[in-house]
Amino acid sequence: MQIITAGRTGPNRSVRFGGDAVLDDRGRSSVLGLAASMTRAVDTCGPETATRETAALLGAAGTIVVDDALRTLDVGGWAGSSPEEIDPVELGAWFADPCARPHGGESVVDFVDRVHSWRRGQAGPHDRCLVVAMPVAQALLCTDASRFFAHDVRPATLYTCADV
């Protein structure tokens, strides 16, 4: 499976949680640069604006599937906040415990389970090419929720994920 992270957005640049932002100029440019190295057509993307824009810039045809199961991590009340604007105790608890939900959204365990459940439910060939938000790529690349933060992903980058 090939996983492409959506291009950079304003919240990526300023390090903010959540939101549904559009690609910025650098994000569009990076995606167009990535398009030249593509060997497989994008067939599925997450529902966020940046993922759909990235898929379109990569030449995804009108048959692309926008799959809500590939939506990004719900960070609840932290959406739009920078790490400096969040109580450090809550932020530390969230990074230390994958079951924690101090923001009121999804826990990392619930999120990774949701994304892995989607992956297990995919029928047919596994030579898929997806465009997803960075947290979704992290979830697809990790073996379980305890390894979620071990995967550092970047905007507009292609990752290859072995089928499990």
Protein backbone atom coordinates (compact mmCIF):
# COMPACT_ATOMS: atom_id res chain seq x y z
CA MET A 1 0.00 0.00 0.00
CA GLN A 2 1.27 3.46 -0.84
CA ILE A 3 0.34 6.25 1.55
CA ILE A 4 0.73 9.89 0.59
CA THR A 5 0.35 12.56 3.22
CA ALA A 6 -1.58 15.68 2.26
CA GLY A 7 0.45 18.75 1.38
CA ARG A 8 1.28 21.43 3.93
CA THR A 9 -1.45 23.70 5.27
CA GLY A 10 -1.38 26.78 7.50
CA PRO A 11 -1.97 24.70 10.67
CA ASN A 12 0.93 22.37 9.68
CA ARG A 13 3.20 25.40 9.32
CA SER A 14 2.18 26.91 12.65
CA VAL A 15 1.88 23.54 14.47
CA ARG A 16 -1.78 23.52 15.42
CA PHE A 17 -4.06 20.62 16.23
CA GLY A 18 -7.00 19.71 14.01
CA GLY A 19 -8.98 21.82 11.61
CA ASP A 20 -9.83 21.44 7.94
CA ALA A 21 -7.50 23.85 6.18
CA VAL A 22 -6.63 24.22 2.51
CA LEU A 23 -3.15 23.66 1.11
CA ASP A 24 -0.85 26.66 1.29
CA ASP A 25 1.40 27.68 -1.63
CA ARG A 26 4.31 25.58 -0.40
CA GLY A 27 1.96 22.64 0.11
CA ARG A 28 0.69 22.85 -3.48
CA SER A 29 4.25 23.16 -4.79
CA SER A 30 5.44 20.12 -2.80
CA VAL A 31 2.52 18.02 -4.03
CA LEU A 32 3.20 19.00 -7.64
CA GLY A 33 6.84 17.99 -7.15
CA LEU A 34 5.73 14.63 -5.77
CA ALA A 35 3.41 14.08 -8.75
CA ALA A 36 6.40 13.66 -11.07
CA SER A 37 7.58 10.59 -9.14
CA MET A 38 4.20 8.85 -8.87
CA THR A 39 4.07 5.33 -10.28
CA ARG A 40 0.54 4.47 -9.17
CA ALA A 41 -2.72 6.38 -9.41
CA VAL A 42 -4.38 7.58 -6.23
CA ASP A 43 -7.60 5.64 -5.67
CA THR A 44 -8.76 6.74 -2.19
CA CYS A 45 -8.42 9.75 0.07
CA GLY A 46 -9.60 11.03 3.40
CA PRO A 47 -12.41 13.59 3.59
CA GLU A 48 -10.34 16.62 4.64
CA THR A 49 -10.02 19.51 2.21
CA ALA A 50 -6.21 19.20 2.03
CA THR A 51 -6.37 15.46 1.26
CA ARG A 52 -8.89 16.02 -1.54
CA GLU A 53 -6.82 18.92 -2.93
CA THR A 54 -3.66 16.80 -2.79
CA ALA A 55 -5.37 13.91 -4.59
CA ALA A 56 -6.60 16.28 -7.31
CA LEU A 57 -3.12 17.79 -7.79
CA LEU A 58 -1.74 14.25 -8.10
CA GLY A 59 -4.08 13.68 -11.02
CA ALA A 60 -6.70 11.55 -9.28
CA ALA A 61 -9.53 10.91 -11.70
CA GLY A 62 -13.20 11.48 -10.93
CA THR A 63 -13.41 7.90 -9.70
CA ILE A 64 -11.45 8.55 -6.51
CA VAL A 65 -13.16 7.34 -3.35
CA VAL A 66 -13.39 9.87 -0.51
CA ASP A 67 -13.63 7.61 2.53
CA ASP A 68 -14.82 9.09 5.83
CA ALA A 69 -13.25 6.15 7.70
CA LEU A 70 -9.89 7.74 6.80
CA ARG A 71 -10.72 11.02 8.57
CA THR A 72 -8.05 12.41 10.83
CA LEU A 73 -7.81 12.09 14.60
CA ASP A 74 -10.56 13.97 16.45
CA VAL A 75 -8.73 16.19 18.95
CA GLY A 76 -11.94 17.57 20.41
CA GLY A 77 -11.49 20.85 22.29
CA TRP A 78 -7.87 21.16 21.17
CA ALA A 79 -8.82 21.80 17.53
CA GLY A 80 -7.11 24.95 16.35
CA SER A 81 -4.80 25.17 19.38
CA SER A 82 -1.03 25.14 19.39
CA PRO A 83 0.75 22.89 21.92
CA GLU A 84 1.71 26.01 23.93
CA GLU A 85 -2.00 26.82 24.39
CA ILE A 86 -2.78 23.45 25.99
CA ASP A 87 -2.34 22.58 29.66
CA PRO A 88 1.08 20.85 29.78
CA VAL A 89 -0.22 18.19 32.18
CA GLU A 90 -3.02 17.28 29.76
CA LEU A 91 -0.69 17.33 26.78
CA GLY A 92 1.83 15.13 28.61
CA ALA A 93 -0.89 12.68 29.62
CA TRP A 94 -2.07 12.43 26.02
CA PHE A 95 1.43 11.68 24.70
CA ALA A 96 2.15 9.19 27.52
CA ASP A 97 -1.12 7.23 27.57
CA PRO A 98 -2.68 6.12 24.26
CA CYS A 99 -6.02 5.67 26.06
CA ALA A 100 -6.09 9.29 27.30
CA ARG A 101 -8.71 11.73 25.96
CA PRO A 102 -8.02 15.02 27.77
CA HIS A 103 -9.27 16.96 24.73
CA GLY A 104 -12.63 15.16 24.71
CA GLY A 105 -12.11 13.68 21.24
CA GLU A 106 -10.74 10.30 20.20
CA SER A 107 -8.05 8.51 22.14
CA VAL A 108 -5.03 7.37 20.16
CA VAL A 109 -6.12 3.76 20.82
CA ASP A 110 -9.61 4.40 19.41
CA PHE A 111 -8.18 6.26 16.42
CA VAL A 112 -5.57 3.61 15.54
CA ASP A 113 -8.18 0.87 16.02
CA ARG A 114 -10.56 2.71 13.66
CA VAL A 115 -7.91 3.12 10.96
CA HIS A 116 -6.65 -0.47 11.32
CA SER A 117 -10.26 -1.71 11.16
CA TRP A 118 -10.69 0.15 7.87
CA ARG A 119 -7.50 -1.44 6.55
CA ARG A 120 -8.57 -4.97 7.55
CA GLY A 121 -11.92 -4.42 5.84
CA GLN A 122 -10.42 -3.63 2.45
CA ALA A 123 -11.16 -6.30 -0.13
CA GLY A 124 -9.30 -6.92 -3.34
CA PRO A 125 -5.73 -6.11 -4.29
CA HIS A 126 -3.57 -4.40 -1.71
CA ASP A 127 -1.70 -2.27 -4.22
CA ARG A 128 -3.70 0.77 -3.12
CA CYS A 129 -2.57 4.38 -3.19
CA LEU A 130 -4.12 6.65 -0.56
CA VAL A 131 -3.91 10.35 0.26
CA VAL A 132 -4.50 10.95 3.96
CA ALA A 133 -3.86 13.42 6.75
CA MET A 134 -0.56 12.95 8.59
CA PRO A 135 -2.12 11.34 11.71
CA VAL A 136 -3.88 8.77 9.51
CA ALA A 137 -0.55 7.92 7.88
CA GLN A 138 0.98 7.50 11.36
CA ALA A 139 -1.85 5.14 12.31
CA LEU A 140 -1.45 3.09 9.12
CA LEU A 141 2.31 2.82 9.63
CA CYS A 142 2.23 1.79 13.30
CA THR A 143 1.67 -1.76 14.48
CA ASP A 144 -0.37 -0.65 17.50
CA ALA A 145 -1.36 2.52 19.34
CA SER A 146 1.67 2.41 21.65
CA ARG A 147 3.87 2.98 18.54
CA PHE A 148 1.75 5.83 17.07
CA PHE A 149 4.09 8.66 18.08
CA ALA A 150 7.17 6.69 16.98
CA HIS A 151 6.31 7.42 13.34
CA ASP A 152 7.36 10.87 12.22
CA VAL A 153 5.58 11.81 9.01
CA ARG A 154 5.90 14.89 6.82
CA PRO A 155 3.48 16.68 4.49
CA ALA A 156 3.45 15.68 0.79
CA THR A 157 5.50 12.54 1.32
CA LEU A 158 5.08 9.02 -0.05
CA TYR A 159 5.31 6.08 2.38
CA THR A 160 5.09 2.39 1.61
CA CYS A 161 3.23 0.24 4.08
CA ALA A 162 3.51 -3.55 4.07
CA ASP A 163 0.23 -5.42 4.23
CA VAL A 164 -0.47 -7.08 7.55
